Amino acid sequence: MTDHPLRDTVCREVHARPFETLTAPARVSHIALVAGPEAAAEEHACLTDLCRRFGVAVPAPGAVYLSAEFGPFRLRWERHSEFSTYTFFRSGAAGKPFLDPALDQVPCEWLARLPGKVLAAIHLAVESKDVPVRDVRDVVALFGTDNIAGSQVGRGAAVVWTDFRVHEDGFGRILVQDSHLGTRQAGRLVQRLLEIETYRLMALLAFPLARETGPEIVRLDKALQTLTERMTANAQLEDEQAMLRELSRLAAEVERINSRNSYRLGAARAYYQLVQRRIESLKEQRIQDLQTIGQFMERRLAPAMATCESIGGRQDALARRVARAGNLLRTRVDVALEAQNRDLLESMNGRAQMQLRLQETVEGLSVVVLSYYAMGLLSYGAKAAHSAGWPIRVDLTLGLAVPIVVGSVWLGVRWLRRRLLGRH
């Protein structure tokens, strides 16, 4: 048996990015940088430089994942289609959560050279089960706001608090308090929380574009409505051709909007689905009167995604309406052109028949003229013969020759015309 050439690739894919193991207490710093495929080489060069500084094995060219110990910290790097994530882990507790984060152990100048733009930046603290359970007032003091989402997760294995805000240091904050997390369970929980925040922001990239597109769709929709109302009137062919040109311009604008928005809106839909799946995997339970992470997303993220979905549907519907109007108008123009062509052909046919009648008239006149000149020549010949002593009567000879000459000329003209028509 012969293996499929992609067997190894697809088998390794499900094991390509395993969860980290994590023991409380721990501090985690997570950064998501938006960078296109063109930044892959620069990204690999930065990772190679960091690995060589700390004596770590360099990732292979084309790698999309790295997890390695760098001494003071552990780095998990992942390359996605639109962005890359750098997650730094540091064991041990700080005096207070979010003080002395894991990122402080990373060379600042190396961080400054990373390609891409920061979209998500989070400091996450995992407190051990030995720390007394915090009440809402403690959490409000840590986050600096009372607009907090929190819940028990993993069927009571831990408690999570976050405010989904960017703080003065440019980072968001997530606090996890261990109740009875295993090392693998803790790693999965941390990764899911970080992915929720990253995918949430990636999904929301479509929202400003959707709000910007709304007025454009309204303007184009009104223009199409005006145009279709004009189409119901009895317009001349020139007016319909002008409307067809205007409709083509509208179709070009709609296609431009679709081309600009289709990828971003489709990506937002996919990222939002990932957010929902990650939230479901948390298995949240409410604590006190706080909203859960799922409720927060349902209240804040879902309306934005509904707007994006609505804009995507409206622009697709507008494109279909423009296409239908274009087909209808082109049909009307084609019918009008066919009628115009039919009238032109009928006119040309009438002129051809008139030319045929004129030609027949001219042929008749030609027979008369040719016969006249033939009789003149015959007259000269008869007179010359009579003068030479031939016993002929000129008048009688010419009179008897008239039908013969006319008939011969008519037959000759007819034969010549048939021969010429036979060549064509």
Protein backbone atom coordinates (compact mmCIF):
# COMPACT_ATOMS: atom_id res chain seq x y z
CA MET A 1 0.00 0.00 0.00
CA THR A 2 1.13 3.56 -0.73
CA ASP A 3 0.51 6.42 1.71
CA HIS A 4 -1.30 9.52 0.54
CA PRO A 5 1.27 12.34 0.09
CA LEU A 6 -0.59 14.51 2.63
CA ARG A 7 -1.12 11.81 5.26
CA ASP A 8 1.70 12.91 7.56
CA THR A 9 0.74 16.57 7.19
CA VAL A 10 -2.90 16.12 8.15
CA CYS A 11 -2.08 13.70 10.96
CA ARG A 12 0.41 16.11 12.52
CA GLU A 13 -1.98 19.04 12.22
CA VAL A 14 -4.16 17.98 15.18
CA HIS A 15 -1.04 17.82 17.37
CA ALA A 16 0.65 20.93 15.94
CA ARG A 17 -0.22 23.35 18.76
CA PRO A 18 -0.63 21.52 22.06
CA PHE A 19 -1.84 23.22 25.23
CA GLU A 20 0.74 24.40 27.73
CA THR A 21 0.90 22.98 31.24
CA LEU A 22 0.62 25.56 33.98
CA THR A 23 0.97 25.48 37.75
CA ALA A 24 -0.46 28.23 39.94
CA PRO A 25 0.71 30.77 40.88
CA ALA A 26 1.82 32.11 37.49
CA ARG A 27 1.91 35.28 35.46
CA VAL A 28 1.16 35.39 31.73
CA SER A 29 1.60 38.19 29.20
CA HIS A 30 -0.03 37.80 25.81
CA ILE A 31 0.41 39.94 22.68
CA ALA A 32 -1.36 39.54 19.33
CA LEU A 33 0.26 41.37 16.42
CA VAL A 34 -1.57 41.82 13.13
CA ALA A 35 0.87 41.12 10.31
CA GLY A 36 0.40 39.72 6.82
CA PRO A 37 2.27 36.80 5.25
CA GLU A 38 4.94 39.21 4.02
CA ALA A 39 6.12 39.63 7.64
CA ALA A 40 6.85 35.92 8.11
CA ALA A 41 10.56 36.21 7.23
CA GLU A 42 11.09 39.18 9.57
CA GLU A 43 9.19 37.37 12.31
CA HIS A 44 11.36 34.28 11.93
CA ALA A 45 14.50 36.44 12.09
CA CYS A 46 13.33 38.01 15.37
CA LEU A 47 12.59 34.61 16.90
CA THR A 48 15.94 33.29 15.74
CA ASP A 49 17.70 36.23 17.38
CA LEU A 50 15.89 35.66 20.70
CA CYS A 51 16.62 31.94 20.65
CA ARG A 52 20.31 32.50 20.07
CA ARG A 53 20.50 35.01 22.90
CA PHE A 54 19.14 32.47 25.37
CA GLY A 55 20.73 29.37 23.84
CA VAL A 56 17.46 27.87 22.64
CA ALA A 57 17.00 25.77 19.50
CA VAL A 58 16.11 27.96 16.52
CA PRO A 59 12.68 27.29 14.88
CA ALA A 60 12.80 25.74 11.42
CA PRO A 61 12.16 28.00 8.41
CA GLY A 62 8.44 28.10 7.69
CA ALA A 63 7.50 27.07 11.24
CA VAL A 64 4.20 28.41 12.60
CA TYR A 65 4.57 27.33 16.23
CA LEU A 66 7.21 27.47 18.94
CA SER A 67 7.10 26.59 22.61
CA ALA A 68 10.36 26.77 24.56
CA GLU A 69 11.90 27.62 27.93
CA PHE A 70 14.05 30.75 27.88
CA GLY A 71 15.14 30.66 31.51
CA PRO A 72 13.37 33.64 33.12
CA PHE A 73 10.26 32.98 31.03
CA ARG A 74 8.63 30.52 28.71
CA LEU A 75 7.52 31.60 25.21
CA ARG A 76 4.67 30.23 23.16
CA TRP A 77 4.53 31.67 19.64
CA GLU A 78 1.85 30.93 17.05
CA ARG A 79 1.53 32.15 13.51
CA HIS A 80 -2.02 32.49 12.15
CA SER A 81 -3.25 33.65 8.77
CA GLU A 82 -3.76 37.29 9.81
CA PHE A 83 -1.88 37.65 13.06
CA SER A 84 0.77 36.18 15.32
CA THR A 85 0.58 35.66 19.08
CA TYR A 86 3.41 35.81 21.62
CA THR A 87 2.54 34.41 25.05
CA PHE A 88 5.09 34.69 27.86
CA PHE A 89 4.77 32.56 31.00
CA ARG A 90 6.48 33.14 34.33
CA SER A 91 6.07 31.00 37.41
CA GLY A 92 5.55 32.42 40.89
CA ALA A 93 3.36 35.07 42.39
CA ALA A 94 3.89 38.81 42.53
CA GLY A 95 3.08 41.03 45.47
CA LYS A 96 -0.13 41.98 43.70
CA PRO A 97 -1.65 40.59 40.54
CA PHE A 98 -0.53 42.42 37.36
CA LEU A 99 2.59 43.82 39.05
CA ASP A 100 5.93 42.60 37.69
CA PRO A 101 4.35 40.83 34.70
CA ALA A 102 6.04 38.10 32.69
CA LEU A 103 6.72 40.56 29.87
CA ASP A 104 9.19 42.45 32.05
CA GLN A 105 11.65 39.56 31.63
CA VAL A 106 11.72 39.97 27.82
CA PRO A 107 14.30 42.33 26.24
CA CYS A 108 12.54 45.61 25.45
CA GLU A 109 14.50 46.32 22.29
CA TRP A 110 13.59 42.84 20.97
CA LEU A 111 9.90 43.51 21.59
CA ALA A 112 10.18 46.83 19.75
CA ARG A 113 11.47 45.05 16.63
CA LEU A 114 8.58 42.61 16.31
CA PRO A 115 6.73 43.10 12.99
CA GLY A 116 3.05 43.99 12.94
CA LYS A 117 0.62 46.17 14.86
CA VAL A 118 -0.59 45.34 18.38
CA LEU A 119 -4.25 44.39 18.46
CA ALA A 120 -4.51 42.46 21.73
CA ALA A 121 -2.30 42.80 24.79
CA ILE A 122 -3.20 41.11 28.06
CA HIS A 123 -1.65 40.49 31.45
CA LEU A 124 -3.13 37.41 33.10
CA ALA A 125 -2.47 36.36 36.68
CA VAL A 126 -3.20 32.88 38.06
CA GLU A 127 -3.47 32.87 41.84
CA SER A 128 -3.04 29.67 43.79
CA LYS A 129 -5.73 28.07 45.90
CA ASP A 130 -3.86 29.23 49.03
CA VAL A 131 -4.89 32.85 48.38
CA PRO A 132 -8.13 33.72 50.17
CA VAL A 133 -11.14 33.94 47.88
CA ARG A 134 -11.58 37.55 46.75
CA ASP A 135 -14.88 39.32 47.03
CA VAL A 136 -16.23 41.83 44.50
CA ARG A 137 -14.77 44.84 46.36
CA ASP A 138 -11.25 43.39 46.15
CA VAL A 139 -11.67 42.72 42.45
CA VAL A 140 -13.04 46.22 41.79
CA ALA A 141 -9.97 47.66 43.51
CA LEU A 142 -7.64 45.53 41.36
CA PHE A 143 -9.30 46.47 38.07
CA GLY A 144 -10.16 50.06 38.93
CA THR A 145 -13.77 49.70 37.75
CA ASP A 146 -16.97 48.07 38.88
CA ASN A 147 -17.89 47.06 35.32
CA ILE A 148 -16.50 43.54 35.72
CA ALA A 149 -17.41 40.17 34.28
CA GLY A 150 -16.70 37.10 36.38
CA SER A 151 -17.74 33.50 36.80
CA GLN A 152 -16.79 30.10 38.08
CA VAL A 153 -15.38 28.01 35.25
CA GLY A 154 -14.61 24.34 34.72
CA ARG A 155 -17.46 23.32 37.02
CA GLY A 156 -15.98 25.27 39.91
CA ALA A 157 -12.31 24.47 39.22
CA ALA A 158 -11.44 28.19 39.11
CA VAL A 159 -12.87 31.70 39.27
CA VAL A 160 -12.19 34.21 36.48
CA TRP A 161 -12.54 38.02 36.53
CA THR A 162 -11.92 40.50 33.72
CA ASP A 163 -13.12 43.92 32.63
CA PHE A 164 -12.27 43.80 28.88
CA ARG A 165 -10.64 47.23 29.13
CA VAL A 166 -7.23 48.54 28.13
CA HIS A 167 -5.50 49.95 31.21
CA GLU A 168 -2.90 52.70 31.53
CA ASP A 169 -0.06 50.33 30.63
CA GLY A 170 -1.76 49.41 27.34
CA PHE A 171 -2.75 45.93 28.51
CA GLY A 172 -6.01 44.27 29.43
CA ARG A 173 -6.28 42.25 32.64
CA ILE A 174 -7.59 38.80 33.49
CA LEU A 175 -7.45 37.32 36.99
CA VAL A 176 -7.79 33.57 37.54
CA GLN A 177 -8.08 32.15 41.04
CA ASP A 178 -7.35 28.44 41.27
CA SER A 179 -9.71 26.22 43.20
CA HIS A 180 -8.69 22.76 42.07
CA LEU A 181 -7.15 23.12 38.63
CA GLY A 182 -4.84 20.47 37.26
CA THR A 183 -1.74 21.59 35.38
CA ARG A 184 -3.16 20.67 31.98
CA GLN A 185 -6.58 22.06 32.84
CA ALA A 186 -4.97 25.33 33.91
CA GLY A 187 -3.06 25.54 30.63
CA ARG A 188 -6.23 24.94 28.62
CA LEU A 189 -8.16 27.50 30.63
CA VAL A 190 -5.52 30.21 30.19
CA GLN A 191 -5.26 29.59 26.47
CA ARG A 192 -9.03 29.72 26.01
CA LEU A 193 -9.28 32.99 27.93
CA LEU A 194 -6.52 34.53 25.82
CA GLU A 195 -8.09 33.26 22.62
CA ILE A 196 -11.48 34.72 23.61
CA GLU A 197 -9.94 38.17 23.91
CA THR A 198 -7.85 37.84 20.75
CA TYR A 199 -10.66 36.48 18.59
CA ARG A 200 -13.08 39.04 20.03
CA LEU A 201 -10.88 41.90 18.85
CA MET A 202 -10.20 40.25 15.48
CA ALA A 203 -13.95 39.91 14.97
CA LEU A 204 -14.53 43.54 15.89
CA LEU A 205 -12.13 44.71 13.18
CA ALA A 206 -15.11 44.43 10.81
CA PHE A 207 -17.36 46.67 12.89
CA PRO A 208 -15.91 50.09 11.88
CA LEU A 209 -15.95 48.93 8.27
CA ALA A 210 -19.59 47.89 8.61
CA ARG A 211 -20.58 51.27 10.09
CA GLU A 212 -18.73 53.03 7.28
CA THR A 213 -20.44 50.89 4.66
CA GLY A 214 -23.98 51.49 5.97
CA PRO A 215 -24.42 55.02 4.51
CA GLU A 216 -22.87 53.89 1.22
CA ILE A 217 -25.42 51.09 0.90
CA VAL A 218 -28.27 53.51 1.70
CA ARG A 219 -27.03 55.94 -0.99
CA LEU A 220 -26.68 53.22 -3.62
CA ASP A 221 -30.03 51.71 -2.67
CA LYS A 222 -31.77 55.07 -3.21
CA ALA A 223 -29.99 55.53 -6.55
CA LEU A 224 -31.13 52.08 -7.64
CA GLN A 225 -34.69 52.78 -6.53
CA THR A 226 -34.75 56.02 -8.55
CA LEU A 227 -33.37 54.24 -11.57
CA THR A 228 -35.92 51.42 -11.41
CA GLU A 229 -38.73 53.99 -11.17
CA ARG A 230 -37.43 55.62 -14.34
CA MET A 231 -37.37 52.21 -16.00
CA THR A 232 -41.14 51.86 -15.54
CA ALA A 233 -41.74 54.91 -17.79
CA ASN A 234 -42.01 54.63 -21.57
CA ALA A 235 -38.48 55.69 -22.43
CA GLN A 236 -36.80 56.01 -25.81
CA LEU A 237 -33.90 53.80 -26.77
CA GLU A 238 -31.39 56.59 -26.09
CA ASP A 239 -32.84 57.06 -22.57
CA GLU A 240 -32.64 53.32 -21.86
CA GLN A 241 -29.03 53.21 -23.05
CA ALA A 242 -28.22 56.13 -20.73
CA MET A 243 -29.92 54.30 -17.84
CA LEU A 244 -27.93 51.16 -18.67
CA ARG A 245 -24.69 53.14 -18.43
CA GLU A 246 -25.79 54.56 -15.07
CA LEU A 247 -26.73 51.09 -13.86
CA SER A 248 -23.31 49.79 -14.90
CA ARG A 249 -21.72 52.52 -12.78
CA LEU A 250 -23.88 51.47 -9.80
CA ALA A 251 -22.90 47.83 -10.34
CA ALA A 252 -19.22 48.82 -10.33
CA GLU A 253 -19.64 50.68 -7.03
CA VAL A 254 -21.47 47.74 -5.44
CA GLU A 255 -18.76 45.35 -6.62
CA ARG A 256 -16.10 47.65 -5.19
CA ILE A 257 -17.81 47.58 -1.78
CA ASN A 258 -18.23 43.80 -1.94
CA SER A 259 -14.59 43.30 -2.86
CA ARG A 260 -13.48 45.56 -0.01
CA ASN A 261 -15.74 44.05 2.63
CA SER A 262 -16.28 40.40 1.78
CA TYR A 263 -13.09 39.04 3.34
CA ARG A 264 -13.30 41.14 6.51
CA LEU A 265 -16.97 40.37 7.14
CA GLY A 266 -16.44 36.67 6.46
CA ALA A 267 -13.47 36.62 8.83
CA ALA A 268 -15.53 38.39 11.52
CA ARG A 269 -18.17 35.67 11.25
CA ALA A 270 -15.55 32.95 11.68
CA TYR A 271 -13.83 34.68 14.62
CA TYR A 272 -17.17 35.26 16.35
CA GLN A 273 -17.97 31.55 16.07
CA LEU A 274 -14.60 30.76 17.67
CA VAL A 275 -15.36 33.16 20.53
CA GLN A 276 -18.70 31.46 21.13
CA ARG A 277 -17.12 28.01 21.15
CA ARG A 278 -14.39 29.07 23.58
CA ILE A 279 -16.98 30.58 25.93
CA GLU A 280 -19.05 27.39 25.81
CA SER A 281 -15.97 25.37 26.74
CA LEU A 282 -15.54 27.45 29.93
CA LYS A 283 -18.73 25.95 31.43
CA GLU A 284 -19.47 29.15 33.34
CA GLN A 285 -21.48 29.51 36.52
CA ARG A 286 -22.51 32.88 37.93
CA ILE A 287 -20.93 34.28 41.07
CA GLN A 288 -22.81 36.80 43.18
CA ASP A 289 -24.43 39.44 40.94
CA LEU A 290 -21.67 39.68 38.32
CA GLN A 291 -22.33 39.14 34.65
CA THR A 292 -20.56 36.15 33.17
CA ILE A 293 -18.12 36.40 30.27
CA GLY A 294 -20.75 34.84 28.02
CA GLN A 295 -23.36 37.41 29.10
CA PHE A 296 -20.90 40.24 28.56
CA MET A 297 -20.22 39.02 25.01
CA GLU A 298 -23.91 38.56 24.33
CA ARG A 299 -24.57 42.13 25.43
CA ARG A 300 -21.56 43.89 23.85
CA LEU A 301 -20.17 41.72 21.06
CA ALA A 302 -23.32 40.12 19.65
CA PRO A 303 -24.94 43.44 18.54
CA ALA A 304 -21.75 44.46 16.73
CA MET A 305 -21.60 41.09 14.98
CA ALA A 306 -25.30 41.38 14.11
CA THR A 307 -24.55 44.74 12.49
CA CYS A 308 -21.72 43.18 10.46
CA GLU A 309 -23.99 40.31 9.45
CA SER A 310 -26.72 42.75 8.45
CA ILE A 311 -24.35 44.85 6.35
CA GLY A 312 -23.05 41.72 4.62
CA GLY A 313 -26.60 40.61 3.85
CA ARG A 314 -27.64 44.07 2.64
CA GLN A 315 -24.70 44.45 0.29
CA ASP A 316 -25.30 40.97 -1.14
CA ALA A 317 -29.00 41.74 -1.63
CA LEU A 318 -28.12 45.08 -3.28
CA ALA A 319 -25.75 43.30 -5.66
CA ARG A 320 -28.52 40.85 -6.62
CA ARG A 321 -31.02 43.67 -7.20
CA VAL A 322 -28.56 45.58 -9.35
CA ALA A 323 -27.92 42.43 -11.38
CA ARG A 324 -31.67 41.84 -11.88
CA ALA A 325 -32.26 45.45 -12.91
CA GLY A 326 -29.32 45.25 -15.29
CA ASN A 327 -30.66 42.09 -16.91
CA LEU A 328 -34.12 43.65 -17.29
CA LEU A 329 -32.77 46.86 -18.77
CA ARG A 330 -30.41 45.04 -21.13
CA THR A 331 -33.37 42.93 -22.32
CA ARG A 332 -35.38 46.07 -23.03
CA VAL A 333 -32.49 47.64 -24.91
CA ASP A 334 -31.96 44.45 -26.92
CA VAL A 335 -35.66 44.28 -27.82
CA ALA A 336 -35.65 47.93 -28.86
CA LEU A 337 -32.53 47.39 -30.97
CA GLU A 338 -34.11 44.33 -32.59
CA ALA A 339 -37.23 46.35 -33.43
CA GLN A 340 -35.05 49.12 -34.81
CA ASN A 341 -33.11 46.60 -36.90
CA ARG A 342 -36.36 45.06 -38.14
CA ASP A 343 -37.64 48.47 -39.24
CA LEU A 344 -34.32 49.15 -40.94
CA LEU A 345 -34.47 45.83 -42.79
CA GLU A 346 -38.05 46.50 -43.88
CA SER A 347 -36.99 49.93 -45.15
CA MET A 348 -34.04 48.40 -46.99
CA ASN A 349 -36.36 45.77 -48.49
CA GLY A 350 -38.72 48.49 -49.70
CA ARG A 351 -35.87 50.38 -51.29
CA ALA A 352 -34.63 47.18 -52.93
CA GLN A 353 -38.05 46.54 -54.43
CA MET A 354 -38.19 50.11 -55.68
CA GLN A 355 -34.74 49.73 -57.20
CA LEU A 356 -35.89 46.52 -58.89
CA ARG A 357 -38.89 48.26 -60.41
CA LEU A 358 -36.67 51.13 -61.55
CA GLN A 359 -34.25 48.60 -62.98
CA GLU A 360 -37.05 46.89 -64.91
CA THR A 361 -38.22 50.28 -66.19
CA VAL A 362 -34.69 51.16 -67.23
CA GLU A 363 -34.37 47.80 -68.98
CA GLY A 364 -37.54 48.53 -70.94
CA LEU A 365 -36.23 51.93 -71.95
CA SER A 366 -32.92 50.30 -72.84
CA VAL A 367 -34.71 47.91 -75.24
CA VAL A 368 -36.43 50.88 -76.91
CA VAL A 369 -33.22 52.89 -77.20
CA LEU A 370 -31.15 49.97 -78.49
CA SER A 371 -33.91 49.02 -80.92
CA TYR A 372 -34.08 52.61 -82.17
CA TYR A 373 -30.36 52.72 -82.85
CA ALA A 374 -30.44 49.26 -84.42
CA MET A 375 -33.24 50.35 -86.75
CA GLY A 376 -31.18 53.44 -87.64
CA LEU A 377 -28.24 51.27 -88.61
CA LEU A 378 -30.53 48.93 -90.57
CA SER A 379 -32.01 51.98 -92.35
CA TYR A 380 -28.58 53.05 -93.47
CA GLY A 381 -27.85 49.58 -94.77
CA ALA A 382 -31.19 49.28 -96.63
CA LYS A 383 -30.78 52.67 -98.27
CA ALA A 384 -27.25 51.80 -99.34
CA ALA A 385 -28.45 48.50 -100.83
CA HIS A 386 -31.29 50.28 -102.68
CA SER A 387 -28.86 52.85 -104.07
CA ALA A 388 -26.63 49.99 -105.23
CA GLY A 389 -29.46 48.65 -107.34
CA TRP A 390 -30.80 45.94 -105.10
CA PRO A 391 -34.49 45.36 -105.67
CA ILE A 392 -35.71 46.23 -102.14
CA ARG A 393 -38.19 48.68 -100.81
CA VAL A 394 -36.60 50.54 -97.93
CA ASP A 395 -39.83 51.46 -96.09
CA LEU A 396 -41.27 47.96 -96.33
CA THR A 397 -37.99 46.37 -95.25
CA LEU A 398 -37.69 48.64 -92.19
CA GLY A 399 -41.30 48.10 -91.20
CA LEU A 400 -40.96 44.34 -91.35
CA ALA A 401 -37.66 44.46 -89.41
CA VAL A 402 -39.07 46.38 -86.42
CA PRO A 403 -40.56 43.39 -84.51
CA ILE A 404 -37.55 41.25 -85.31
CA VAL A 405 -35.08 43.89 -84.04
CA VAL A 406 -37.09 44.72 -80.94
CA GLY A 407 -37.53 41.05 -80.07
CA SER A 408 -33.84 40.30 -80.61
CA VAL A 409 -32.79 43.25 -78.44
CA TRP A 410 -35.22 42.24 -75.66
CA LEU A 411 -33.96 38.66 -75.70
CA GLY A 412 -30.36 39.83 -75.66
CA VAL A 413 -30.88 42.17 -72.70
CA ARG A 414 -32.74 39.49 -70.80
CA TRP A 415 -30.00 36.90 -71.47
CA LEU A 416 -27.30 39.35 -70.34
CA ARG A 417 -29.14 40.22 -67.10
CA ARG A 418 -29.61 36.55 -66.21
CA ARG A 419 -25.98 35.85 -66.86
CA LEU A 420 -24.85 38.72 -64.62
CA LEU A 421 -27.24 37.67 -61.81
CA GLY A 422 -26.03 34.08 -62.13
CA ARG A 423 -22.48 35.17 -61.31
CA HIS A 424 -23.62 36.71 -57.97
